[in-house]
Amino acid sequence: MDSAMIWEWVGYLASVVVAISLMMSDIKKLRWLNLFGAMLFVAYGMAIQAYPVAAVNFFIVLIDLYYLIKIYRESSSSS
């Protein structure tokens, strides 16, 4: 299997992971899955030199990280 086909499958996997994340009712699960999908899209975008795809998804990674940190800090301070 050549490199281009592997990266194509990474793109498909990223799409599926993001789609599944958007079906989560638990916000923590949504953020974690979305983070993973966005990270896959960053790798995919860089690999195929689609820099706008990588940039937007890197921004999404930062957003997911921000909210995950916020969620975990709020849950630990209320305990």
N, C-alpha and C. Protein backbone atom coordinates (compact mmCIF):
# COMPACT_ATOMS: atom_id res chain seq x y z
N MET A 1 0.87 -1.18 0.00
CA MET A 1 0.00 0.00 0.00
C MET A 1 0.91 1.23 0.00
N ASP A 2 0.66 2.14 -0.92
CA ASP A 2 1.52 3.31 -0.99
C ASP A 2 1.11 4.38 0.01
N SER A 3 2.00 5.33 0.19
CA SER A 3 1.82 6.38 1.20
C SER A 3 0.56 7.21 0.97
N ALA A 4 0.27 7.52 -0.29
CA ALA A 4 -0.92 8.33 -0.59
C ALA A 4 -2.19 7.63 -0.15
N MET A 5 -2.25 6.34 -0.34
CA MET A 5 -3.45 5.59 0.05
C MET A 5 -3.58 5.54 1.57
N ILE A 6 -2.45 5.40 2.27
CA ILE A 6 -2.50 5.39 3.74
C ILE A 6 -3.06 6.72 4.25
N TRP A 7 -2.57 7.82 3.70
CA TRP A 7 -3.05 9.13 4.15
C TRP A 7 -4.51 9.36 3.77
N GLU A 8 -4.93 8.78 2.64
CA GLU A 8 -6.35 8.86 2.28
C GLU A 8 -7.20 8.18 3.35
N TRP A 9 -6.74 7.02 3.82
CA TRP A 9 -7.47 6.30 4.87
C TRP A 9 -7.43 7.04 6.20
N VAL A 10 -6.33 7.74 6.48
CA VAL A 10 -6.27 8.58 7.69
C VAL A 10 -7.33 9.67 7.60
N GLY A 11 -7.49 10.26 6.42
CA GLY A 11 -8.54 11.27 6.22
C GLY A 11 -9.93 10.71 6.44
N TYR A 12 -10.18 9.51 5.92
CA TYR A 12 -11.48 8.87 6.15
C TYR A 12 -11.71 8.59 7.63
N LEU A 13 -10.69 8.08 8.30
CA LEU A 13 -10.80 7.79 9.72
C LEU A 13 -11.08 9.07 10.51
N ALA A 14 -10.38 10.14 10.17
CA ALA A 14 -10.60 11.42 10.84
C ALA A 14 -12.05 11.88 10.66
N SER A 15 -12.57 11.73 9.46
CA SER A 15 -13.96 12.12 9.19
C SER A 15 -14.94 11.32 10.03
N VAL A 16 -14.72 10.02 10.12
CA VAL A 16 -15.60 9.15 10.90
C VAL A 16 -15.53 9.51 12.38
N VAL A 17 -14.32 9.72 12.90
CA VAL A 17 -14.16 10.05 14.31
C VAL A 17 -14.85 11.36 14.65
N VAL A 18 -14.69 12.38 13.81
CA VAL A 18 -15.34 13.67 14.05
C VAL A 18 -16.86 13.50 13.98
N ALA A 19 -17.35 12.76 13.01
CA ALA A 19 -18.80 12.54 12.89
C ALA A 19 -19.34 11.83 14.13
N ILE A 20 -18.64 10.81 14.60
CA ILE A 20 -19.09 10.09 15.80
C ILE A 20 -19.05 11.02 17.01
N SER A 21 -18.02 11.86 17.10
CA SER A 21 -17.90 12.76 18.25
C SER A 21 -19.11 13.70 18.34
N LEU A 22 -19.62 14.10 17.20
CA LEU A 22 -20.75 15.03 17.20
C LEU A 22 -22.06 14.37 17.60
N MET A 23 -22.07 13.05 17.72
CA MET A 23 -23.26 12.33 18.17
C MET A 23 -23.24 12.06 19.67
N MET A 24 -22.17 12.44 20.35
CA MET A 24 -22.03 12.19 21.79
C MET A 24 -22.89 13.17 22.58
N SER A 25 -23.57 12.65 23.59
CA SER A 25 -24.32 13.53 24.48
C SER A 25 -23.46 13.99 25.66
N ASP A 26 -22.44 13.20 25.99
CA ASP A 26 -21.51 13.55 27.06
C ASP A 26 -20.45 14.49 26.48
N ILE A 27 -20.38 15.71 27.01
CA ILE A 27 -19.49 16.73 26.45
C ILE A 27 -18.02 16.33 26.56
N LYS A 28 -17.64 15.59 27.63
CA LYS A 28 -16.25 15.14 27.75
C LYS A 28 -15.90 14.18 26.62
N LYS A 29 -16.77 13.21 26.37
CA LYS A 29 -16.53 12.26 25.29
C LYS A 29 -16.48 12.98 23.95
N LEU A 30 -17.40 13.93 23.75
CA LEU A 30 -17.42 14.71 22.51
C LEU A 30 -16.09 15.41 22.30
N ARG A 31 -15.61 16.10 23.34
CA ARG A 31 -14.35 16.85 23.22
C ARG A 31 -13.16 15.94 22.98
N TRP A 32 -13.10 14.79 23.70
CA TRP A 32 -11.98 13.88 23.52
C TRP A 32 -11.96 13.29 22.11
N LEU A 33 -13.10 12.82 21.63
CA LEU A 33 -13.16 12.25 20.29
C LEU A 33 -12.89 13.31 19.23
N ASN A 34 -13.46 14.49 19.42
CA ASN A 34 -13.25 15.57 18.47
C ASN A 34 -11.77 15.97 18.44
N LEU A 35 -11.14 16.00 19.60
CA LEU A 35 -9.70 16.30 19.68
C LEU A 35 -8.91 15.27 18.87
N PHE A 36 -9.21 13.99 19.05
CA PHE A 36 -8.51 12.94 18.31
C PHE A 36 -8.73 13.08 16.81
N GLY A 37 -9.97 13.33 16.41
CA GLY A 37 -10.28 13.50 14.99
C GLY A 37 -9.57 14.72 14.39
N ALA A 38 -9.56 15.81 15.13
CA ALA A 38 -8.89 17.02 14.65
C ALA A 38 -7.38 16.79 14.53
N MET A 39 -6.81 16.05 15.48
CA MET A 39 -5.38 15.75 15.40
C MET A 39 -5.07 14.89 14.17
N LEU A 40 -5.95 13.94 13.88
CA LEU A 40 -5.78 13.15 12.66
C LEU A 40 -5.86 14.04 11.42
N PHE A 41 -6.80 14.99 11.43
CA PHE A 41 -6.92 15.90 10.29
C PHE A 41 -5.71 16.81 10.15
N VAL A 42 -5.08 17.20 11.26
CA VAL A 42 -3.85 18.00 11.18
C VAL A 42 -2.77 17.18 10.48
N ALA A 43 -2.60 15.94 10.92
CA ALA A 43 -1.59 15.07 10.30
C ALA A 43 -1.90 14.85 8.82
N TYR A 44 -3.17 14.59 8.52
CA TYR A 44 -3.60 14.38 7.14
C TYR A 44 -3.34 15.62 6.29
N GLY A 45 -3.74 16.77 6.79
CA GLY A 45 -3.54 18.02 6.05
C GLY A 45 -2.08 18.31 5.78
N MET A 46 -1.24 18.06 6.77
CA MET A 46 0.20 18.28 6.58
C MET A 46 0.76 17.28 5.56
N ALA A 47 0.33 16.04 5.66
CA ALA A 47 0.86 14.99 4.78
C ALA A 47 0.52 15.25 3.31
N ILE A 48 -0.68 15.75 3.05
CA ILE A 48 -1.06 15.99 1.65
C ILE A 48 -0.86 17.45 1.25
N GLN A 49 -0.19 18.19 2.12
CA GLN A 49 0.12 19.61 1.90
C GLN A 49 -1.13 20.46 1.69
N ALA A 50 -2.19 20.11 2.42
CA ALA A 50 -3.42 20.90 2.45
C ALA A 50 -3.36 21.73 3.72
N TYR A 51 -2.57 22.78 3.69
CA TYR A 51 -2.29 23.56 4.89
C TYR A 51 -3.52 24.24 5.50
N PRO A 52 -4.48 24.70 4.70
CA PRO A 52 -5.70 25.23 5.34
C PRO A 52 -6.44 24.18 6.17
N VAL A 53 -6.47 22.94 5.71
CA VAL A 53 -7.10 21.85 6.48
C VAL A 53 -6.35 21.66 7.79
N ALA A 54 -5.03 21.62 7.72
CA ALA A 54 -4.22 21.45 8.92
C ALA A 54 -4.39 22.63 9.88
N ALA A 55 -4.41 23.85 9.34
CA ALA A 55 -4.51 25.04 10.20
C ALA A 55 -5.85 25.11 10.93
N VAL A 56 -6.93 24.89 10.22
CA VAL A 56 -8.26 24.95 10.86
C VAL A 56 -8.38 23.87 11.92
N ASN A 57 -7.89 22.69 11.63
CA ASN A 57 -8.00 21.60 12.60
C ASN A 57 -7.04 21.78 13.76
N PHE A 58 -5.91 22.43 13.56
CA PHE A 58 -5.04 22.77 14.67
C PHE A 58 -5.75 23.73 15.61
N PHE A 59 -6.47 24.68 15.04
CA PHE A 59 -7.27 25.61 15.84
C PHE A 59 -8.34 24.85 16.63
N ILE A 60 -8.97 23.87 16.02
CA ILE A 60 -9.97 23.04 16.70
C ILE A 60 -9.32 22.24 17.83
N VAL A 61 -8.10 21.74 17.61
CA VAL A 61 -7.36 21.04 18.67
C VAL A 61 -7.19 21.97 19.87
N LEU A 62 -6.78 23.22 19.61
CA LEU A 62 -6.60 24.18 20.71
C LEU A 62 -7.91 24.45 21.44
N ILE A 63 -9.00 24.59 20.70
CA ILE A 63 -10.31 24.82 21.32
C ILE A 63 -10.71 23.63 22.19
N ASP A 64 -10.56 22.42 21.65
CA ASP A 64 -10.90 21.23 22.43
C ASP A 64 -10.06 21.13 23.69
N LEU A 65 -8.76 21.39 23.57
CA LEU A 65 -7.89 21.36 24.75
C LEU A 65 -8.31 22.40 25.79
N TYR A 66 -8.62 23.59 25.33
CA TYR A 66 -9.07 24.65 26.25
C TYR A 66 -10.29 24.20 27.04
N TYR A 67 -11.29 23.68 26.34
CA TYR A 67 -12.52 23.28 27.03
C TYR A 67 -12.33 22.04 27.89
N LEU A 68 -11.48 21.11 27.47
CA LEU A 68 -11.20 19.94 28.32
C LEU A 68 -10.52 20.37 29.61
N ILE A 69 -9.55 21.26 29.52
CA ILE A 69 -8.89 21.77 30.73
C ILE A 69 -9.90 22.46 31.62
N LYS A 70 -10.75 23.27 31.02
CA LYS A 70 -11.78 23.99 31.78
C LYS A 70 -12.74 23.00 32.47
N ILE A 71 -13.17 21.98 31.76
CA ILE A 71 -14.09 20.98 32.32
C ILE A 71 -13.45 20.26 33.51
N TYR A 72 -12.20 19.81 33.33
CA TYR A 72 -11.53 19.06 34.39
C TYR A 72 -11.18 19.94 35.58
N ARG A 73 -10.85 21.20 35.35
CA ARG A 73 -10.59 22.10 36.47
C ARG A 73 -11.86 22.37 37.27
N GLU A 74 -12.98 22.58 36.57
CA GLU A 74 -14.25 22.81 37.26
C GLU A 74 -14.69 21.58 38.06
N SER A 75 -14.48 20.40 37.49
CA SER A 75 -14.91 19.19 38.21
C SER A 75 -14.02 18.90 39.41
N SER A 76 -12.73 19.25 39.32
CA SER A 76 -11.85 19.01 40.46
C SER A 76 -12.03 20.05 41.57
N SER A 77 -12.43 21.27 41.21
CA SER A 77 -12.63 22.29 42.24
C SER A 77 -13.97 22.12 42.96
N SER A 78 -14.94 21.44 42.32
CA SER A 78 -16.22 21.23 42.97
C SER A 78 -16.23 19.97 43.83
N SER A 79 -15.18 19.18 43.75
CA SER A 79 -15.11 17.92 44.54
C SER A 79 -14.72 18.18 45.97
